[in-house]
Each structure stands twice: as structure tokens, then as C-alpha cells.
Amino acid sequence: MLSGYGRQDGGSFNDGVNLAAAAGSVVKAAADGTVTYAGRDETYGNLMLVEHANGWITAYAHLEAMYAKSGDTVKQGAMIGRVGATGKVKEPQLHFELRQGKQPVDPMLLMPKLAAS
């Protein structure tokens, strides 16, 4: 883990987690959903947003490649991209966010539950 959810040194707030990974590592969809955005962002570089049931949204950022586009339906575990170092980062990593509507949620609160199911 490069940086966790919440307040960071210097006062900024991380709406997700940043996970170290080798450049080119596969990024998979956390759950079934529809891609609502797949494009470029100044801060996050290549960014993909996937909308899921019950108002949940996942975000995947700093991707070197994206394999889904806006409007695509994705299944849980489908390869949707590859880890990169795009945007304002200097090393390969995945920025992962989990939101309930517009409200960010600490992904670590749900990740162990997802792994156990």
C-alpha cells in the first residue's frame, strides 16, 4: 500500500487507496457493472469509472491501458486495464476508489468481506 484512504501528510485527502504494482499488471473489475467513464484526467491519468448495483461506483486510475470504454458492460473479474504511472504519479500503481453515490467509502472496509464471499 502506497497510501491509504483518508487524510494524508500535508493535509490532502485520498478518496481511495493507492496500491503498488508492476507496470502492466492486470486490473480486473471488482463487480459486474457498466463503464460510465473511460478517459484521461490531469491528476489520475487514464481513469475508468464503473457503476454497479445499488449506487456503488468503483474508480481505477493511473492505468497504462484501458480495455473497456464508456457504455460497456463488464463482469466481475473481467480484465479492464493494466497498471501504469499516468497522471501525477512517478511510479506504477493502481488508485482504487469505492463510492456509494458521490460519497467516498474506505475500500479496505469492504475488501476483506468481498474476498471472503
C-alpha atoms as a PDB file:
ATOM      1  CA  MET A   1       0.000   0.000   0.000  1.00  0.00           C
ATOM      2  CA  LEU A   2       1.491   3.311  -1.091  1.00  0.00           C
ATOM      3  CA  SER A   3      -1.190   5.432   0.550  1.00  0.00           C
ATOM      4  CA  GLY A   4      -4.369   4.601   2.357  1.00  0.00           C
ATOM      5  CA  TYR A   5      -7.795   6.174   2.459  1.00  0.00           C
ATOM      6  CA  GLY A   6      -8.283   9.468   4.281  1.00  0.00           C
ATOM      7  CA  ARG A   7      -6.222  12.440   5.407  1.00  0.00           C
ATOM      8  CA  GLN A   8      -2.627  12.389   4.148  1.00  0.00           C
ATOM      9  CA  ASP A   9       0.533  14.155   5.325  1.00  0.00           C
ATOM     10  CA  GLY A  10       0.305  17.722   4.077  1.00  0.00           C
ATOM     11  CA  GLY A  11      -3.465  17.906   4.571  1.00  0.00           C
ATOM     12  CA  SER A  12      -4.746  16.371   1.331  1.00  0.00           C
ATOM     13  CA  PHE A  13      -7.460  13.688   1.406  1.00  0.00           C
ATOM     14  CA  ASN A  14      -7.215  10.401  -0.503  1.00  0.00           C
ATOM     15  CA  ASP A  15     -10.688   9.230  -1.602  1.00  0.00           C
ATOM     16  CA  GLY A  16      -9.306   5.736  -2.246  1.00  0.00           C
ATOM     17  CA  VAL A  17      -6.180   3.633  -1.833  1.00  0.00           C
ATOM     18  CA  ASN A  18      -3.019   3.593  -3.918  1.00  0.00           C
ATOM     19  CA  LEU A  19      -1.581   0.124  -4.392  1.00  0.00           C
ATOM     20  CA  ALA A  20       1.932  -0.557  -5.672  1.00  0.00           C
ATOM     21  CA  ALA A  21       2.032  -2.953  -8.609  1.00  0.00           C
ATOM     22  CA  ALA A  22       4.306  -3.744 -11.513  1.00  0.00           C
ATOM     23  CA  ALA A  23       3.665  -1.773 -14.676  1.00  0.00           C
ATOM     24  CA  GLY A  24       1.395  -3.792 -16.940  1.00  0.00           C
ATOM     25  CA  SER A  25      -0.213  -5.808 -14.130  1.00  0.00           C
ATOM     26  CA  VAL A  26      -3.799  -6.777 -14.922  1.00  0.00           C
ATOM     27  CA  VAL A  27      -6.620  -4.704 -13.385  1.00  0.00           C
ATOM     28  CA  LYS A  28      -9.937  -6.536 -13.003  1.00  0.00           C
ATOM     29  CA  ALA A  29     -13.454  -5.254 -12.384  1.00  0.00           C
ATOM     30  CA  ALA A  30     -14.430  -5.510  -8.709  1.00  0.00           C
ATOM     31  CA  ALA A  31     -18.046  -6.407  -9.584  1.00  0.00           C
ATOM     32  CA  ASP A  32     -20.486  -6.539 -12.503  1.00  0.00           C
ATOM     33  CA  GLY A  33     -21.291  -3.087 -13.825  1.00  0.00           C
ATOM     34  CA  THR A  34     -21.343  -0.532 -16.613  1.00  0.00           C
ATOM     35  CA  VAL A  35     -18.418   1.692 -17.532  1.00  0.00           C
ATOM     36  CA  THR A  36     -19.622   5.280 -17.151  1.00  0.00           C
ATOM     37  CA  TYR A  37     -16.277   6.929 -17.966  1.00  0.00           C
ATOM     38  CA  ALA A  38     -13.035   5.799 -19.561  1.00  0.00           C
ATOM     39  CA  GLY A  39     -10.715   8.645 -20.407  1.00  0.00           C
ATOM     40  CA  ARG A  40      -7.927  10.954 -19.405  1.00  0.00           C
ATOM     41  CA  ASP A  41      -7.754  13.079 -16.251  1.00  0.00           C
ATOM     42  CA  GLU A  42      -4.941  15.520 -15.412  1.00  0.00           C
ATOM     43  CA  THR A  43      -4.438  14.142 -11.890  1.00  0.00           C
ATOM     44  CA  TYR A  44      -5.419  10.491 -12.311  1.00  0.00           C
ATOM     45  CA  GLY A  45      -4.141   9.918 -15.840  1.00  0.00           C
ATOM     46  CA  ASN A  46      -6.115   7.145 -17.526  1.00  0.00           C
ATOM     47  CA  LEU A  47      -9.220   6.785 -15.381  1.00  0.00           C
ATOM     48  CA  MET A  48     -12.130   4.338 -15.540  1.00  0.00           C
ATOM     49  CA  LEU A  49     -15.376   4.599 -13.567  1.00  0.00           C
ATOM     50  CA  VAL A  50     -17.697   1.591 -13.288  1.00  0.00           C
ATOM     51  CA  GLU A  51     -21.238   1.875 -11.920  1.00  0.00           C
ATOM     52  CA  HIS A  52     -22.565  -1.149 -10.034  1.00  0.00           C
ATOM     53  CA  ALA A  53     -25.872  -2.156  -8.438  1.00  0.00           C
ATOM     54  CA  ASN A  54     -27.361  -0.141  -5.564  1.00  0.00           C
ATOM     55  CA  GLY A  55     -25.489   3.067  -6.428  1.00  0.00           C
ATOM     56  CA  TRP A  56     -21.951   1.740  -5.918  1.00  0.00           C
ATOM     57  CA  ILE A  57     -19.176   3.093  -8.142  1.00  0.00           C
ATOM     58  CA  THR A  58     -15.572   1.947  -8.450  1.00  0.00           C
ATOM     59  CA  ALA A  59     -12.743   4.042  -9.887  1.00  0.00           C
ATOM     60  CA  TYR A  60      -9.478   2.720 -11.317  1.00  0.00           C
ATOM     61  CA  ALA A  61      -6.750   5.275 -12.067  1.00  0.00           C
ATOM     62  CA  HIS A  62      -3.181   5.670 -13.350  1.00  0.00           C
ATOM     63  CA  LEU A  63      -3.824   2.916 -15.911  1.00  0.00           C
ATOM     64  CA  GLU A  64      -1.369   2.457 -18.782  1.00  0.00           C
ATOM     65  CA  ALA A  65      -4.077   0.751 -20.855  1.00  0.00           C
ATOM     66  CA  MET A  66      -7.874   0.553 -20.689  1.00  0.00           C
ATOM     67  CA  TYR A  67      -9.776  -2.379 -22.239  1.00  0.00           C
ATOM     68  CA  ALA A  68     -13.316  -1.084 -21.807  1.00  0.00           C
ATOM     69  CA  LYS A  69     -14.990   2.109 -22.954  1.00  0.00           C
ATOM     70  CA  SER A  70     -17.937   4.183 -21.774  1.00  0.00           C
ATOM     71  CA  GLY A  71     -21.159   2.201 -22.101  1.00  0.00           C
ATOM     72  CA  ASP A  72     -19.508  -1.222 -21.956  1.00  0.00           C
ATOM     73  CA  THR A  73     -20.919  -3.809 -19.550  1.00  0.00           C
ATOM     74  CA  VAL A  74     -18.241  -5.607 -17.530  1.00  0.00           C
ATOM     75  CA  LYS A  75     -18.402  -8.733 -15.406  1.00  0.00           C
ATOM     76  CA  GLN A  76     -16.720  -9.192 -12.043  1.00  0.00           C
ATOM     77  CA  GLY A  77     -13.139 -10.335 -12.642  1.00  0.00           C
ATOM     78  CA  ALA A  78     -13.016  -9.157 -16.263  1.00  0.00           C
ATOM     79  CA  MET A  79      -9.728  -7.560 -17.298  1.00  0.00           C
ATOM     80  CA  ILE A  80     -10.490  -3.853 -17.736  1.00  0.00           C
ATOM     81  CA  GLY A  81      -6.988  -2.388 -17.829  1.00  0.00           C
ATOM     82  CA  ARG A  82      -3.341  -2.546 -16.890  1.00  0.00           C
ATOM     83  CA  VAL A  83      -1.441  -0.764 -14.112  1.00  0.00           C
ATOM     84  CA  GLY A  84       0.579   2.251 -15.165  1.00  0.00           C
ATOM     85  CA  ALA A  85       2.081   5.527 -13.974  1.00  0.00           C
ATOM     86  CA  THR A  86      -0.150   8.057 -15.737  1.00  0.00           C
ATOM     87  CA  GLY A  87      -1.321  11.346 -14.281  1.00  0.00           C
ATOM     88  CA  LYS A  88       0.554  12.860 -11.364  1.00  0.00           C
ATOM     89  CA  VAL A  89       2.386   9.766 -10.117  1.00  0.00           C
ATOM     90  CA  LYS A  90       6.002   8.766 -10.636  1.00  0.00           C
ATOM     91  CA  GLU A  91       5.783   5.000 -10.119  1.00  0.00           C
ATOM     92  CA  PRO A  92       3.390   2.295 -11.349  1.00  0.00           C
ATOM     93  CA  GLN A  93       0.343   1.950  -9.113  1.00  0.00           C
ATOM     94  CA  LEU A  94      -3.382   1.475  -9.054  1.00  0.00           C
ATOM     95  CA  HIS A  95      -5.548   4.135  -7.446  1.00  0.00           C
ATOM     96  CA  PHE A  96      -8.786   2.387  -6.440  1.00  0.00           C
ATOM     97  CA  GLU A  97     -11.861   4.186  -5.122  1.00  0.00           C
ATOM     98  CA  LEU A  98     -15.179   2.922  -3.866  1.00  0.00           C
ATOM     99  CA  ARG A  99     -18.155   5.273  -3.694  1.00  0.00           C
ATOM    100  CA  GLN A 100     -21.748   4.976  -2.564  1.00  0.00           C
ATOM    101  CA  GLY A 101     -23.267   7.532  -4.895  1.00  0.00           C
ATOM    102  CA  LYS A 102     -20.981  10.564  -4.562  1.00  0.00           C
ATOM    103  CA  GLN A 103     -19.769   9.634  -1.056  1.00  0.00           C
ATOM    104  CA  PRO A 104     -16.298   8.017  -0.895  1.00  0.00           C
ATOM    105  CA  VAL A 105     -16.023   4.863   1.231  1.00  0.00           C
ATOM    106  CA  ASP A 106     -12.783   3.347   2.528  1.00  0.00           C
ATOM    107  CA  PRO A 107     -12.273   0.342   0.201  1.00  0.00           C
ATOM    108  CA  MET A 108     -10.458  -1.558   2.940  1.00  0.00           C
ATOM    109  CA  LEU A 109     -13.708  -1.764   4.931  1.00  0.00           C
ATOM    110  CA  LEU A 110     -15.260  -3.957   2.216  1.00  0.00           C
ATOM    111  CA  MET A 111     -12.336  -5.683   0.515  1.00  0.00           C
ATOM    112  CA  PRO A 112     -11.929  -8.421   3.178  1.00  0.00           C
ATOM    113  CA  LYS A 113     -15.690  -9.089   3.015  1.00  0.00           C
ATOM    114  CA  LEU A 114     -15.527  -9.391  -0.770  1.00  0.00           C
ATOM    115  CA  ALA A 115     -12.615 -11.808  -0.538  1.00  0.00           C
ATOM    116  CA  ALA A 116     -14.464 -13.966   1.993  1.00  0.00           C
ATOM    117  CA  SER A 117     -17.593 -14.347  -0.146  1.00  0.00           C
END
